[in-house]
Amino acid sequence: QWDDAITRIQAILQMQPVNARLHGYLGICYYKKNKF
């Protein structure tokens, strides 16, 4: 559920903007949606 995951990760990134793993997870979600 990529759209839901994107929304949740973005919310967490508001609190932890320098968390590399979260940016990686967000990248995976976009990749799966072909938003390269």
PDB file of all heavy atoms in Angstrom:
ATOM      1  N   GLN A   1       0.860  -1.183   0.000  1.00  0.00           N
ATOM      2  CA  GLN A   1       0.000   0.000   0.000  1.00  0.00           C
ATOM      3  C   GLN A   1       0.899   1.237   0.000  1.00  0.00           C
ATOM      4  O   GLN A   1       1.119   1.880   1.022  1.00  0.00           O
ATOM      5  CB  GLN A   1      -0.935  -0.029   1.211  1.00  0.00           C
ATOM      6  CG  GLN A   1      -1.884  -1.210   1.161  1.00  0.00           C
ATOM      7  CD  GLN A   1      -2.740  -1.328   2.405  1.00  0.00           C
ATOM      8  OE1 GLN A   1      -2.475  -0.703   3.422  1.00  0.00           O
ATOM      9  NE2 GLN A   1      -3.772  -2.145   2.318  1.00  0.00           N
ATOM     10  N   TRP A   2       1.402   1.529  -1.177  1.00  0.00           N
ATOM     11  CA  TRP A   2       2.446   2.534  -1.328  1.00  0.00           C
ATOM     12  C   TRP A   2       1.986   3.935  -0.964  1.00  0.00           C
ATOM     13  O   TRP A   2       2.738   4.685  -0.326  1.00  0.00           O
ATOM     14  CB  TRP A   2       3.030   2.479  -2.740  1.00  0.00           C
ATOM     15  CG  TRP A   2       3.487   1.099  -3.075  1.00  0.00           C
ATOM     16  CD1 TRP A   2       2.989   0.276  -4.045  1.00  0.00           C
ATOM     17  CD2 TRP A   2       4.502   0.343  -2.398  1.00  0.00           C
ATOM     18  NE1 TRP A   2       3.640  -0.936  -4.021  1.00  0.00           N
ATOM     19  CE2 TRP A   2       4.574  -0.927  -3.013  1.00  0.00           C
ATOM     20  CE3 TRP A   2       5.345   0.597  -1.329  1.00  0.00           C
ATOM     21  CZ2 TRP A   2       5.458  -1.919  -2.604  1.00  0.00           C
ATOM     22  CZ3 TRP A   2       6.241  -0.390  -0.914  1.00  0.00           C
ATOM     23  CH2 TRP A   2       6.281  -1.633  -1.558  1.00  0.00           C
ATOM     24  N   ASP A   3       0.774   4.315  -1.351  1.00  0.00           N
ATOM     25  CA  ASP A   3       0.295   5.663  -1.037  1.00  0.00           C
ATOM     26  C   ASP A   3       0.163   5.854   0.474  1.00  0.00           C
ATOM     27  O   ASP A   3       0.543   6.895   1.010  1.00  0.00           O
ATOM     28  CB  ASP A   3      -1.044   5.940  -1.721  1.00  0.00           C
ATOM     29  CG  ASP A   3      -0.910   6.080  -3.227  1.00  0.00           C
ATOM     30  OD1 ASP A   3       0.123   6.611  -3.683  1.00  0.00           O
ATOM     31  OD2 ASP A   3      -1.827   5.647  -3.944  1.00  0.00           O
ATOM     32  N   ASP A   4      -0.371   4.861   1.152  1.00  0.00           N
ATOM     33  CA  ASP A   4      -0.501   4.923   2.608  1.00  0.00           C
ATOM     34  C   ASP A   4       0.874   4.981   3.265  1.00  0.00           C
ATOM     35  O   ASP A   4       1.099   5.765   4.190  1.00  0.00           O
ATOM     36  CB  ASP A   4      -1.288   3.711   3.120  1.00  0.00           C
ATOM     37  CG  ASP A   4      -1.596   3.806   4.598  1.00  0.00           C
ATOM     38  OD1 ASP A   4      -1.979   4.894   5.067  1.00  0.00           O
ATOM     39  OD2 ASP A   4      -1.445   2.780   5.298  1.00  0.00           O
ATOM     40  N   ALA A   5       1.795   4.181   2.769  1.00  0.00           N
ATOM     41  CA  ALA A   5       3.153   4.173   3.320  1.00  0.00           C
ATOM     42  C   ALA A   5       3.829   5.527   3.114  1.00  0.00           C
ATOM     43  O   ALA A   5       4.490   6.036   4.026  1.00  0.00           O
ATOM     44  CB  ALA A   5       3.974   3.058   2.674  1.00  0.00           C
ATOM     45  N   ILE A   6       3.643   6.125   1.948  1.00  0.00           N
ATOM     46  CA  ILE A   6       4.227   7.436   1.673  1.00  0.00           C
ATOM     47  C   ILE A   6       3.702   8.466   2.671  1.00  0.00           C
ATOM     48  O   ILE A   6       4.477   9.229   3.259  1.00  0.00           O
ATOM     49  CB  ILE A   6       3.950   7.878   0.215  1.00  0.00           C
ATOM     50  CG1 ILE A   6       4.784   7.030  -0.757  1.00  0.00           C
ATOM     51  CG2 ILE A   6       4.214   9.370   0.025  1.00  0.00           C
ATOM     52  CD1 ILE A   6       4.390   7.191  -2.213  1.00  0.00           C
ATOM     53  N   THR A   7       2.403   8.467   2.895  1.00  0.00           N
ATOM     54  CA  THR A   7       1.796   9.411   3.836  1.00  0.00           C
ATOM     55  C   THR A   7       2.358   9.228   5.234  1.00  0.00           C
ATOM     56  O   THR A   7       2.726  10.197   5.907  1.00  0.00           O
ATOM     57  CB  THR A   7       0.264   9.233   3.853  1.00  0.00           C
ATOM     58  OG1 THR A   7      -0.242   9.464   2.536  1.00  0.00           O
ATOM     59  CG2 THR A   7      -0.395  10.192   4.823  1.00  0.00           C
ATOM     60  N   ARG A   8       2.461   7.989   5.675  1.00  0.00           N
ATOM     61  CA  ARG A   8       2.962   7.710   7.030  1.00  0.00           C
ATOM     62  C   ARG A   8       4.439   8.075   7.179  1.00  0.00           C
ATOM     63  O   ARG A   8       4.852   8.642   8.180  1.00  0.00           O
ATOM     64  CB  ARG A   8       2.741   6.249   7.372  1.00  0.00           C
ATOM     65  CG  ARG A   8       1.278   5.908   7.562  1.00  0.00           C
ATOM     66  CD  ARG A   8       1.065   4.414   7.712  1.00  0.00           C
ATOM     67  NE  ARG A   8      -0.327   4.092   7.739  1.00  0.00           N
ATOM     68  CZ  ARG A   8      -0.963   3.640   8.821  1.00  0.00           C
ATOM     69  NH1 ARG A   8      -0.306   3.483   9.950  1.00  0.00           N
ATOM     70  NH2 ARG A   8      -2.236   3.351   8.755  1.00  0.00           N
ATOM     71  N   ILE A   9       5.231   7.723   6.185  1.00  0.00           N
ATOM     72  CA  ILE A   9       6.668   8.031   6.248  1.00  0.00           C
ATOM     73  C   ILE A   9       6.892   9.537   6.242  1.00  0.00           C
ATOM     74  O   ILE A   9       7.717  10.060   6.997  1.00  0.00           O
ATOM     75  CB  ILE A   9       7.424   7.340   5.099  1.00  0.00           C
ATOM     76  CG1 ILE A   9       7.378   5.820   5.278  1.00  0.00           C
ATOM     77  CG2 ILE A   9       8.874   7.830   5.033  1.00  0.00           C
ATOM     78  CD1 ILE A   9       7.816   5.042   4.057  1.00  0.00           C
ATOM     79  N   GLN A  10       6.140  10.251   5.411  1.00  0.00           N
ATOM     80  CA  GLN A  10       6.283  11.710   5.365  1.00  0.00           C
ATOM     81  C   GLN A  10       5.929  12.331   6.716  1.00  0.00           C
ATOM     82  O   GLN A  10       6.577  13.287   7.149  1.00  0.00           O
ATOM     83  CB  GLN A  10       5.417  12.303   4.256  1.00  0.00           C
ATOM     84  CG  GLN A  10       5.966  12.036   2.881  1.00  0.00           C
ATOM     85  CD  GLN A  10       5.036  12.486   1.769  1.00  0.00           C
ATOM     86  OE1 GLN A  10       3.818  12.530   1.939  1.00  0.00           O
ATOM     87  NE2 GLN A  10       5.609  12.804   0.619  1.00  0.00           N
ATOM     88  N   ALA A  11       4.933  11.781   7.395  1.00  0.00           N
ATOM     89  CA  ALA A  11       4.558  12.292   8.721  1.00  0.00           C
ATOM     90  C   ALA A  11       5.689  12.072   9.726  1.00  0.00           C
ATOM     91  O   ALA A  11       6.004  12.970  10.517  1.00  0.00           O
ATOM     92  CB  ALA A  11       3.279  11.609   9.193  1.00  0.00           C
ATOM     93  N   ILE A  12       6.313  10.923   9.674  1.00  0.00           N
ATOM     94  CA  ILE A  12       7.413  10.632  10.592  1.00  0.00           C
ATOM     95  C   ILE A  12       8.628  11.497  10.253  1.00  0.00           C
ATOM     96  O   ILE A  12       9.333  11.967  11.143  1.00  0.00           O
ATOM     97  CB  ILE A  12       7.763   9.134  10.572  1.00  0.00           C
ATOM     98  CG1 ILE A  12       6.582   8.309  11.054  1.00  0.00           C
ATOM     99  CG2 ILE A  12       8.982   8.862  11.454  1.00  0.00           C
ATOM    100  CD1 ILE A  12       6.728   6.814  10.826  1.00  0.00           C
ATOM    101  N   LEU A  13       8.846  11.730   8.958  1.00  0.00           N
ATOM    102  CA  LEU A  13       9.967  12.570   8.542  1.00  0.00           C
ATOM    103  C   LEU A  13       9.823  14.009   9.041  1.00  0.00           C
ATOM    104  O   LEU A  13      10.821  14.707   9.190  1.00  0.00           O
ATOM    105  CB  LEU A  13      10.128  12.564   7.025  1.00  0.00           C
ATOM    106  CG  LEU A  13      10.956  11.426   6.455  1.00  0.00           C
ATOM    107  CD1 LEU A  13      10.832  11.365   4.938  1.00  0.00           C
ATOM    108  CD2 LEU A  13      12.406  11.544   6.872  1.00  0.00           C
ATOM    109  N   GLN A  14       8.600  14.448   9.310  1.00  0.00           N
ATOM    110  CA  GLN A  14       8.403  15.781   9.889  1.00  0.00           C
ATOM    111  C   GLN A  14       9.082  15.873  11.250  1.00  0.00           C
ATOM    112  O   GLN A  14       9.597  16.919  11.624  1.00  0.00           O
ATOM    113  CB  GLN A  14       6.909  16.086  10.046  1.00  0.00           C
ATOM    114  CG  GLN A  14       6.168  16.232   8.746  1.00  0.00           C
ATOM    115  CD  GLN A  14       6.591  17.465   7.979  1.00  0.00           C
ATOM    116  OE1 GLN A  14       6.827  18.513   8.559  1.00  0.00           O
ATOM    117  NE2 GLN A  14       6.699  17.339   6.664  1.00  0.00           N
ATOM    118  N   MET A  15       9.110  14.753  11.979  1.00  0.00           N
ATOM    119  CA  MET A  15       9.720  14.720  13.307  1.00  0.00           C
ATOM    120  C   MET A  15      11.191  14.314  13.262  1.00  0.00           C
ATOM    121  O   MET A  15      11.951  14.642  14.159  1.00  0.00           O
ATOM    122  CB  MET A  15       8.951  13.752  14.208  1.00  0.00           C
ATOM    123  CG  MET A  15       7.522  14.173  14.466  1.00  0.00           C
ATOM    124  SD  MET A  15       6.626  12.983  15.453  1.00  0.00           S
ATOM    125  CE  MET A  15       6.281  11.713  14.237  1.00  0.00           C
ATOM    126  N   GLN A  16      11.582  13.569  12.209  1.00  0.00           N
ATOM    127  CA  GLN A  16      12.940  13.062  12.087  1.00  0.00           C
ATOM    128  C   GLN A  16      13.483  13.329  10.680  1.00  0.00           C
ATOM    129  O   GLN A  16      13.727  12.396   9.920  1.00  0.00           O
ATOM    130  CB  GLN A  16      12.970  11.558  12.354  1.00  0.00           C
ATOM    131  CG  GLN A  16      12.471  11.138  13.704  1.00  0.00           C
ATOM    132  CD  GLN A  16      12.468   9.620  13.845  1.00  0.00           C
ATOM    133  OE1 GLN A  16      13.314   8.933  13.304  1.00  0.00           O
ATOM    134  NE2 GLN A  16      11.494   9.111  14.570  1.00  0.00           N
ATOM    135  N   PRO A  17      13.686  14.586  10.325  1.00  0.00           N
ATOM    136  CA  PRO A  17      14.053  14.906   8.939  1.00  0.00           C
ATOM    137  C   PRO A  17      15.436  14.423   8.502  1.00  0.00           C
ATOM    138  O   PRO A  17      15.712  14.382   7.307  1.00  0.00           O
ATOM    139  CB  PRO A  17      13.968  16.435   8.895  1.00  0.00           C
ATOM    140  CG  PRO A  17      14.165  16.861  10.305  1.00  0.00           C
ATOM    141  CD  PRO A  17      13.566  15.767  11.153  1.00  0.00           C
ATOM    142  N   VAL A  18      16.291  14.051   9.435  1.00  0.00           N
ATOM    143  CA  VAL A  18      17.628  13.592   9.056  1.00  0.00           C
ATOM    144  C   VAL A  18      17.784  12.078   9.236  1.00  0.00           C
ATOM    145  O   VAL A  18      18.893  11.575   9.353  1.00  0.00           O
ATOM    146  CB  VAL A  18      18.737  14.357   9.824  1.00  0.00           C
ATOM    147  CG1 VAL A  18      18.744  15.814   9.416  1.00  0.00           C
ATOM    148  CG2 VAL A  18      18.575  14.208  11.318  1.00  0.00           C
ATOM    149  N   ASN A  19      16.697  11.360   9.216  1.00  0.00           N
ATOM    150  CA  ASN A  19      16.722   9.910   9.341  1.00  0.00           C
ATOM    151  C   ASN A  19      16.915   9.303   7.940  1.00  0.00           C
ATOM    152  O   ASN A  19      15.991   9.278   7.124  1.00  0.00           O
ATOM    153  CB  ASN A  19      15.426   9.411   9.979  1.00  0.00           C
ATOM    154  CG  ASN A  19      15.451   7.935  10.280  1.00  0.00           C
ATOM    155  OD1 ASN A  19      15.923   7.137   9.488  1.00  0.00           O
ATOM    156  ND2 ASN A  19      14.909   7.573  11.430  1.00  0.00           N
ATOM    157  N   ALA A  20      18.112   8.829   7.674  1.00  0.00           N
ATOM    158  CA  ALA A  20      18.451   8.299   6.351  1.00  0.00           C
ATOM    159  C   ALA A  20      17.578   7.106   5.979  1.00  0.00           C
ATOM    160  O   ALA A  20      17.170   6.968   4.819  1.00  0.00           O
ATOM    161  CB  ALA A  20      19.921   7.907   6.304  1.00  0.00           C
ATOM    162  N   ARG A  21      17.291   6.243   6.939  1.00  0.00           N
ATOM    163  CA  ARG A  21      16.478   5.054   6.648  1.00  0.00           C
ATOM    164  C   ARG A  21      15.081   5.434   6.184  1.00  0.00           C
ATOM    165  O   ARG A  21      14.530   4.819   5.266  1.00  0.00           O
ATOM    166  CB  ARG A  21      16.401   4.136   7.869  1.00  0.00           C
ATOM    167  CG  ARG A  21      17.723   3.542   8.248  1.00  0.00           C
ATOM    168  CD  ARG A  21      18.100   2.425   7.327  1.00  0.00           C
ATOM    169  NE  ARG A  21      19.504   2.064   7.526  1.00  0.00           N
ATOM    170  CZ  ARG A  21      20.142   1.187   6.805  1.00  0.00           C
ATOM    171  NH1 ARG A  21      19.539   0.568   5.832  1.00  0.00           N
ATOM    172  NH2 ARG A  21      21.400   0.931   7.036  1.00  0.00           N
ATOM    173  N   LEU A  22      14.501   6.451   6.816  1.00  0.00           N
ATOM    174  CA  LEU A  22      13.166   6.892   6.402  1.00  0.00           C
ATOM    175  C   LEU A  22      13.181   7.434   4.977  1.00  0.00           C
ATOM    176  O   LEU A  22      12.269   7.155   4.194  1.00  0.00           O
ATOM    177  CB  LEU A  22      12.625   7.950   7.361  1.00  0.00           C
ATOM    178  CG  LEU A  22      12.233   7.446   8.747  1.00  0.00           C
ATOM    179  CD1 LEU A  22      11.829   8.604   9.648  1.00  0.00           C
ATOM    180  CD2 LEU A  22      11.102   6.425   8.656  1.00  0.00           C
ATOM    181  N   HIS A  23      14.215   8.172   4.630  1.00  0.00           N
ATOM    182  CA  HIS A  23      14.328   8.657   3.250  1.00  0.00           C
ATOM    183  C   HIS A  23      14.481   7.475   2.287  1.00  0.00           C
ATOM    184  O   HIS A  23      13.917   7.482   1.196  1.00  0.00           O
ATOM    185  CB  HIS A  23      15.504   9.621   3.101  1.00  0.00           C
ATOM    186  CG  HIS A  23      15.230  10.964   3.690  1.00  0.00           C
ATOM    187  ND1 HIS A  23      14.402  11.887   3.096  1.00  0.00           N
ATOM    188  CD2 HIS A  23      15.682  11.534   4.839  1.00  0.00           C
ATOM    189  CE1 HIS A  23      14.350  12.978   3.843  1.00  0.00           C
ATOM    190  NE2 HIS A  23      15.119  12.792   4.908  1.00  0.00           N
ATOM    191  N   GLY A  24      15.207   6.454   2.719  1.00  0.00           N
ATOM    192  CA  GLY A  24      15.350   5.254   1.902  1.00  0.00           C
ATOM    193  C   GLY A  24      14.021   4.540   1.708  1.00  0.00           C
ATOM    194  O   GLY A  24      13.681   4.114   0.596  1.00  0.00           O
ATOM    195  N   TYR A  25      13.257   4.419   2.789  1.00  0.00           N
ATOM    196  CA  TYR A  25      11.936   3.774   2.684  1.00  0.00           C
ATOM    197  C   TYR A  25      11.006   4.572   1.776  1.00  0.00           C
ATOM    198  O   TYR A  25      10.261   4.002   0.966  1.00  0.00           O
ATOM    199  CB  TYR A  25      11.288   3.627   4.058  1.00  0.00           C
ATOM    200  CG  TYR A  25      11.985   2.664   4.981  1.00  0.00           C
ATOM    201  CD1 TYR A  25      12.014   2.892   6.352  1.00  0.00           C
ATOM    202  CD2 TYR A  25      12.617   1.525   4.510  1.00  0.00           C
ATOM    203  CE1 TYR A  25      12.644   2.019   7.218  1.00  0.00           C
ATOM    204  CE2 TYR A  25      13.254   0.646   5.367  1.00  0.00           C
ATOM    205  CZ  TYR A  25      13.262   0.894   6.723  1.00  0.00           C
ATOM    206  OH  TYR A  25      13.882   0.033   7.574  1.00  0.00           O
ATOM    207  N   LEU A  26      11.067   5.890   1.900  1.00  0.00           N
ATOM    208  CA  LEU A  26      10.236   6.734   1.040  1.00  0.00           C
ATOM    209  C   LEU A  26      10.655   6.563  -0.423  1.00  0.00           C
ATOM    210  O   LEU A  26       9.806   6.472  -1.314  1.00  0.00           O
ATOM    211  CB  LEU A  26      10.353   8.189   1.483  1.00  0.00           C
ATOM    212  CG  LEU A  26       9.426   9.199   0.831  1.00  0.00           C
ATOM    213  CD1 LEU A  26       7.969   8.786   0.957  1.00  0.00           C
ATOM    214  CD2 LEU A  26       9.640  10.578   1.452  1.00  0.00           C
ATOM    215  N   GLY A  27      11.953   6.478  -0.644  1.00  0.00           N
ATOM    216  CA  GLY A  27      12.445   6.234  -1.996  1.00  0.00           C
ATOM    217  C   GLY A  27      11.935   4.925  -2.572  1.00  0.00           C
ATOM    218  O   GLY A  27      11.549   4.848  -3.741  1.00  0.00           O
ATOM    219  N   ILE A  28      11.906   3.892  -1.744  1.00  0.00           N
ATOM    220  CA  ILE A  28      11.387   2.591  -2.194  1.00  0.00           C
ATOM    221  C   ILE A  28       9.927   2.709  -2.601  1.00  0.00           C
ATOM    222  O   ILE A  28       9.514   2.165  -3.631  1.00  0.00           O
ATOM    223  CB  ILE A  28      11.565   1.521  -1.102  1.00  0.00           C
ATOM    224  CG1 ILE A  28      13.049   1.190  -0.940  1.00  0.00           C
ATOM    225  CG2 ILE A  28      10.748   0.265  -1.409  1.00  0.00           C
ATOM    226  CD1 ILE A  28      13.372   0.342   0.280  1.00  0.00           C
ATOM    227  N   CYS A  29       9.142   3.422  -1.797  1.00  0.00           N
ATOM    228  CA  CYS A  29       7.725   3.596  -2.130  1.00  0.00           C
ATOM    229  C   CYS A  29       7.554   4.294  -3.472  1.00  0.00           C
ATOM    230  O   CYS A  29       6.753   3.867  -4.309  1.00  0.00           O
ATOM    231  CB  CYS A  29       7.019   4.382  -1.032  1.00  0.00           C
ATOM    232  SG  CYS A  29       6.903   3.527   0.544  1.00  0.00           S
ATOM    233  N   TYR A  30       8.307   5.366  -3.676  1.00  0.00           N
ATOM    234  CA  TYR A  30       8.223   6.074  -4.954  1.00  0.00           C
ATOM    235  C   TYR A  30       8.697   5.185  -6.106  1.00  0.00           C
ATOM    236  O   TYR A  30       8.100   5.185  -7.184  1.00  0.00           O
ATOM    237  CB  TYR A  30       9.054   7.355  -4.925  1.00  0.00           C
ATOM    238  CG  TYR A  30       8.437   8.478  -4.116  1.00  0.00           C
ATOM    239  CD1 TYR A  30       9.204   9.205  -3.210  1.00  0.00           C
ATOM    240  CD2 TYR A  30       7.098   8.836  -4.278  1.00  0.00           C
ATOM    241  CE1 TYR A  30       8.656  10.242  -2.482  1.00  0.00           C
ATOM    242  CE2 TYR A  30       6.540   9.859  -3.546  1.00  0.00           C
ATOM    243  CZ  TYR A  30       7.322  10.564  -2.654  1.00  0.00           C
ATOM    244  OH  TYR A  30       6.774  11.595  -1.938  1.00  0.00           O
ATOM    245  N   TYR A  31       9.740   4.420  -5.866  1.00  0.00           N
ATOM    246  CA  TYR A  31      10.258   3.521  -6.898  1.00  0.00           C
ATOM    247  C   TYR A  31       9.180   2.513  -7.310  1.00  0.00           C
ATOM    248  O   TYR A  31       8.967   2.259  -8.496  1.00  0.00           O
ATOM    249  CB  TYR A  31      11.505   2.806  -6.388  1.00  0.00           C
ATOM    250  CG  TYR A  31      12.228   2.017  -7.442  1.00  0.00           C
ATOM    251  CD1 TYR A  31      13.225   2.607  -8.206  1.00  0.00           C
ATOM    252  CD2 TYR A  31      11.929   0.684  -7.681  1.00  0.00           C
ATOM    253  CE1 TYR A  31      13.894   1.885  -9.188  1.00  0.00           C
ATOM    254  CE2 TYR A  31      12.582  -0.044  -8.645  1.00  0.00           C
ATOM    255  CZ  TYR A  31      13.566   0.561  -9.401  1.00  0.00           C
ATOM    256  OH  TYR A  31      14.213  -0.167 -10.367  1.00  0.00           O
ATOM    257  N   LYS A  32       8.507   1.955  -6.317  1.00  0.00           N
ATOM    258  CA  LYS A  32       7.452   0.968  -6.604  1.00  0.00           C
ATOM    259  C   LYS A  32       6.297   1.582  -7.381  1.00  0.00           C
ATOM    260  O   LYS A  32       5.594   0.886  -8.097  1.00  0.00           O
ATOM    261  CB  LYS A  32       6.937   0.344  -5.311  1.00  0.00           C
ATOM    262  CG  LYS A  32       7.957  -0.511  -4.599  1.00  0.00           C
ATOM    263  CD  LYS A  32       8.234  -1.773  -5.368  1.00  0.00           C
ATOM    264  CE  LYS A  32       9.098  -2.721  -4.570  1.00  0.00           C
ATOM    265  NZ  LYS A  32       9.282  -3.994  -5.241  1.00  0.00           N
ATOM    266  N   LYS A  33       6.091   2.888  -7.230  1.00  0.00           N
ATOM    267  CA  LYS A  33       5.028   3.582  -7.962  1.00  0.00           C
ATOM    268  C   LYS A  33       5.527   4.143  -9.293  1.00  0.00           C
ATOM    269  O   LYS A  33       4.810   4.882  -9.956  1.00  0.00           O
ATOM    270  CB  LYS A  33       4.458   4.710  -7.105  1.00  0.00           C
ATOM    271  CG  LYS A  33       3.660   4.218  -5.913  1.00  0.00           C
ATOM    272  CD  LYS A  33       3.103   5.347  -5.081  1.00  0.00           C
ATOM    273  CE  LYS A  33       2.254   6.306  -5.833  1.00  0.00           C
ATOM    274  NZ  LYS A  33       0.922   5.887  -6.206  1.00  0.00           N
ATOM    275  N   ASN A  34       6.773   3.779  -9.674  1.00  0.00           N
ATOM    276  CA  ASN A  34       7.383   4.249 -10.922  1.00  0.00           C
ATOM    277  C   ASN A  34       7.566   5.762 -10.951  1.00  0.00           C
ATOM    278  O   ASN A  34       7.574   6.376 -12.025  1.00  0.00           O
ATOM    279  CB  ASN A  34       6.586   3.786 -12.150  1.00  0.00           C
ATOM    280  CG  ASN A  34       6.594   2.288 -12.283  1.00  0.00           C
ATOM    281  OD1 ASN A  34       7.587   1.634 -11.999  1.00  0.00           O
ATOM    282  ND2 ASN A  34       5.469   1.717 -12.686  1.00  0.00           N
ATOM    283  N   LYS A  35       7.737   6.353  -9.794  1.00  0.00           N
ATOM    284  CA  LYS A  35       8.040   7.780  -9.685  1.00  0.00           C
ATOM    285  C   LYS A  35       9.541   7.896  -9.442  1.00  0.00           C
ATOM    286  O   LYS A  35       9.994   8.153  -8.335  1.00  0.00           O
ATOM    287  CB  LYS A  35       7.238   8.421  -8.558  1.00  0.00           C
ATOM    288  CG  LYS A  35       5.750   8.446  -8.810  1.00  0.00           C
ATOM    289  CD  LYS A  35       5.026   9.166  -7.700  1.00  0.00           C
ATOM    290  CE  LYS A  35       3.557   9.320  -8.056  1.00  0.00           C
ATOM    291  NZ  LYS A  35       2.855  10.127  -7.045  1.00  0.00           N
ATOM    292  N   PHE A  36      10.296   7.683 -10.504  1.00  0.00           N
ATOM    293  CA  PHE A  36      11.739   7.534 -10.377  1.00  0.00           C
ATOM    294  C   PHE A  36      12.464   8.833 -10.031  1.00  0.00           C
ATOM    295  O   PHE A  36      13.490   8.792  -9.360  1.00  0.00           O
ATOM    296  CB  PHE A  36      12.305   6.882 -11.638  1.00  0.00           C
ATOM    297  CG  PHE A  36      11.694   5.549 -11.919  1.00  0.00           C
ATOM    298  CD1 PHE A  36      10.918   5.344 -13.044  1.00  0.00           C
ATOM    299  CD2 PHE A  36      11.849   4.496 -11.022  1.00  0.00           C
ATOM    300  CE1 PHE A  36      10.333   4.105 -13.288  1.00  0.00           C
ATOM    301  CE2 PHE A  36      11.270   3.264 -11.255  1.00  0.00           C
ATOM    302  CZ  PHE A  36      10.512   3.065 -12.396  1.00  0.00           C
TER     303      PHE A  36
END
